[in-house]
């Protein structure tokens, strides 16, 4: 996917929370249809678009 850069976004864990942040990419990161600005806390079921790729955030019951 040519619309995704090598370091397009960062996903990080902060305690029990998971965050996603755009790394100043050209096309941005879209969560649930909205372009994010700054760190965004991900919630179960969030739809994350990076370029033409669509991801759905899930959590394991074991973690």
N, C-alpha and C. Protein backbone atom coordinates (compact mmCIF):
# COMPACT_ATOMS: atom_id res chain seq x y z
N UNK A 1 0.86 -1.18 0.00
CA UNK A 1 0.00 0.00 0.00
C UNK A 1 0.90 1.24 0.00
N UNK A 2 0.93 1.95 -1.10
CA UNK A 2 1.81 3.11 -1.23
C UNK A 2 1.37 4.32 -0.41
N UNK A 3 0.17 4.27 0.16
CA UNK A 3 -0.30 5.40 0.98
C UNK A 3 0.10 5.25 2.45
N UNK A 4 0.89 4.22 2.76
CA UNK A 4 1.35 3.99 4.13
C UNK A 4 2.86 4.17 4.18
N UNK A 5 3.32 4.96 5.12
CA UNK A 5 4.77 5.13 5.29
C UNK A 5 5.31 4.06 6.22
N UNK A 6 6.62 3.90 6.24
CA UNK A 6 7.24 2.86 7.07
C UNK A 6 6.96 3.06 8.55
N UNK A 7 6.94 4.29 8.98
CA UNK A 7 6.68 4.60 10.40
C UNK A 7 5.44 5.48 10.49
N UNK A 8 4.36 5.01 9.94
CA UNK A 8 3.12 5.76 9.79
C UNK A 8 2.48 6.11 11.13
N UNK A 9 2.46 5.13 12.05
CA UNK A 9 1.79 5.32 13.33
C UNK A 9 2.51 4.53 14.41
N UNK A 10 2.26 4.90 15.64
CA UNK A 10 2.81 4.19 16.79
C UNK A 10 1.66 3.70 17.65
N UNK A 11 1.72 2.42 18.04
CA UNK A 11 0.77 1.86 19.00
C UNK A 11 1.55 1.61 20.28
N UNK A 12 1.02 2.09 21.39
CA UNK A 12 1.72 1.93 22.67
C UNK A 12 0.75 1.51 23.76
N UNK A 13 1.29 0.79 24.72
CA UNK A 13 0.50 0.35 25.87
C UNK A 13 0.88 1.24 27.05
N UNK A 14 -0.14 1.77 27.72
CA UNK A 14 0.06 2.59 28.92
C UNK A 14 -0.79 1.98 30.02
N UNK A 15 -0.17 1.13 30.82
CA UNK A 15 -0.93 0.41 31.85
C UNK A 15 -1.90 -0.54 31.20
N UNK A 16 -3.20 -0.35 31.42
CA UNK A 16 -4.22 -1.20 30.81
C UNK A 16 -4.77 -0.60 29.52
N UNK A 17 -4.32 0.59 29.16
CA UNK A 17 -4.82 1.27 27.97
C UNK A 17 -3.88 1.07 26.79
N UNK A 18 -4.44 1.08 25.58
CA UNK A 18 -3.67 1.04 24.35
C UNK A 18 -3.95 2.33 23.58
N UNK A 19 -2.87 2.96 23.14
CA UNK A 19 -2.97 4.23 22.44
C UNK A 19 -2.42 4.08 21.03
N UNK A 20 -2.95 4.89 20.11
CA UNK A 20 -2.39 4.97 18.76
C UNK A 20 -2.13 6.44 18.48
N UNK A 21 -1.04 6.71 17.77
CA UNK A 21 -0.70 8.09 17.43
C UNK A 21 -0.13 8.12 16.02
N UNK A 22 -0.58 9.09 15.23
CA UNK A 22 -0.05 9.30 13.89
C UNK A 22 1.35 9.91 14.02
N UNK A 23 2.27 9.46 13.21
CA UNK A 23 3.65 9.97 13.25
C UNK A 23 3.88 11.02 12.16
N UNK A 24 2.96 11.99 12.08
CA UNK A 24 3.04 13.07 11.08
C UNK A 24 3.08 12.53 9.65
N UNK A 25 2.30 11.47 9.41
CA UNK A 25 2.24 10.89 8.07
C UNK A 25 1.46 11.81 7.13
N UNK A 26 1.64 11.61 5.84
CA UNK A 26 0.94 12.42 4.85
C UNK A 26 -0.57 12.19 4.87
N UNK A 27 -0.98 10.94 5.06
CA UNK A 27 -2.39 10.58 4.95
C UNK A 27 -3.09 10.43 6.30
N UNK A 28 -2.36 10.46 7.38
CA UNK A 28 -2.96 10.40 8.70
C UNK A 28 -3.47 9.02 9.08
N UNK A 29 -4.06 8.97 10.26
CA UNK A 29 -4.67 7.76 10.81
C UNK A 29 -6.13 8.10 11.09
N UNK A 30 -7.02 7.23 10.64
CA UNK A 30 -8.46 7.44 10.80
C UNK A 30 -8.97 6.42 11.80
N UNK A 31 -9.67 6.87 12.83
CA UNK A 31 -10.29 5.98 13.82
C UNK A 31 -11.79 6.26 13.80
N UNK A 32 -12.55 5.22 13.48
CA UNK A 32 -14.01 5.33 13.41
C UNK A 32 -14.46 6.49 12.53
N UNK A 33 -13.77 6.66 11.40
CA UNK A 33 -14.15 7.68 10.43
C UNK A 33 -13.61 9.07 10.69
N UNK A 34 -12.87 9.26 11.78
CA UNK A 34 -12.34 10.58 12.13
C UNK A 34 -10.81 10.55 12.13
N UNK A 35 -10.21 11.53 11.49
CA UNK A 35 -8.75 11.64 11.50
C UNK A 35 -8.31 12.06 12.90
N UNK A 36 -7.36 11.34 13.47
CA UNK A 36 -6.93 11.65 14.83
C UNK A 36 -5.83 12.72 14.81
N UNK A 37 -5.79 13.48 15.90
CA UNK A 37 -4.75 14.48 16.11
C UNK A 37 -4.18 14.22 17.49
N UNK A 38 -2.96 13.75 17.55
CA UNK A 38 -2.36 13.42 18.83
C UNK A 38 -2.71 12.01 19.26
N UNK A 39 -2.26 11.60 20.44
CA UNK A 39 -2.53 10.24 20.93
C UNK A 39 -4.03 10.00 21.08
N UNK A 40 -4.46 8.80 20.73
CA UNK A 40 -5.87 8.43 20.81
C UNK A 40 -5.99 7.09 21.54
N UNK A 41 -6.80 7.04 22.58
CA UNK A 41 -7.01 5.78 23.30
C UNK A 41 -7.92 4.88 22.47
N UNK A 42 -7.45 3.66 22.21
CA UNK A 42 -8.24 2.71 21.43
C UNK A 42 -9.20 1.96 22.34
N UNK A 43 -10.39 1.74 21.82
CA UNK A 43 -11.42 0.99 22.53
C UNK A 43 -11.78 -0.23 21.69
N UNK A 44 -12.21 -1.29 22.35
CA UNK A 44 -12.58 -2.52 21.65
C UNK A 44 -13.60 -2.20 20.57
N UNK A 45 -13.33 -2.69 19.37
CA UNK A 45 -14.23 -2.47 18.24
C UNK A 45 -13.89 -1.26 17.40
N UNK A 46 -12.94 -0.43 17.84
CA UNK A 46 -12.54 0.72 17.03
C UNK A 46 -12.06 0.25 15.67
N UNK A 47 -12.46 0.98 14.63
CA UNK A 47 -12.01 0.70 13.27
C UNK A 47 -10.91 1.70 12.93
N UNK A 48 -9.73 1.18 12.65
CA UNK A 48 -8.55 2.00 12.43
C UNK A 48 -8.13 1.85 10.97
N UNK A 49 -8.07 2.96 10.26
CA UNK A 49 -7.67 2.97 8.86
C UNK A 49 -6.29 3.59 8.74
N UNK A 50 -5.38 2.84 8.15
CA UNK A 50 -4.04 3.32 7.84
C UNK A 50 -3.84 3.03 6.37
N UNK A 51 -3.85 4.07 5.57
CA UNK A 51 -3.83 3.89 4.12
C UNK A 51 -5.10 3.18 3.69
N UNK A 52 -4.95 2.15 2.87
CA UNK A 52 -6.11 1.38 2.41
C UNK A 52 -6.42 0.20 3.34
N UNK A 53 -5.65 0.07 4.41
CA UNK A 53 -5.81 -1.06 5.33
C UNK A 53 -6.79 -0.70 6.45
N UNK A 54 -7.64 -1.64 6.80
CA UNK A 54 -8.60 -1.45 7.89
C UNK A 54 -8.31 -2.48 8.97
N UNK A 55 -8.17 -2.00 10.19
CA UNK A 55 -7.91 -2.86 11.35
C UNK A 55 -9.03 -2.63 12.36
N UNK A 56 -9.37 -3.68 13.10
CA UNK A 56 -10.35 -3.55 14.18
C UNK A 56 -9.63 -3.91 15.48
N UNK A 57 -9.70 -3.00 16.46
CA UNK A 57 -8.99 -3.22 17.72
C UNK A 57 -9.74 -4.23 18.57
N UNK A 58 -9.02 -5.25 19.02
CA UNK A 58 -9.55 -6.30 19.89
C UNK A 58 -8.63 -6.46 21.08
N UNK A 59 -9.15 -6.97 22.18
CA UNK A 59 -8.34 -7.26 23.37
C UNK A 59 -8.48 -8.73 23.71
N UNK A 60 -7.40 -9.32 24.17
CA UNK A 60 -7.42 -10.70 24.64
C UNK A 60 -7.97 -10.74 26.05
N UNK A 61 -8.78 -11.73 26.38
CA UNK A 61 -9.31 -11.84 27.74
C UNK A 61 -8.23 -12.27 28.72
N UNK A 62 -7.11 -12.79 28.23
CA UNK A 62 -6.03 -13.25 29.09
C UNK A 62 -5.10 -12.14 29.53
N UNK A 63 -5.15 -10.98 28.87
CA UNK A 63 -4.21 -9.90 29.19
C UNK A 63 -4.92 -8.75 29.83
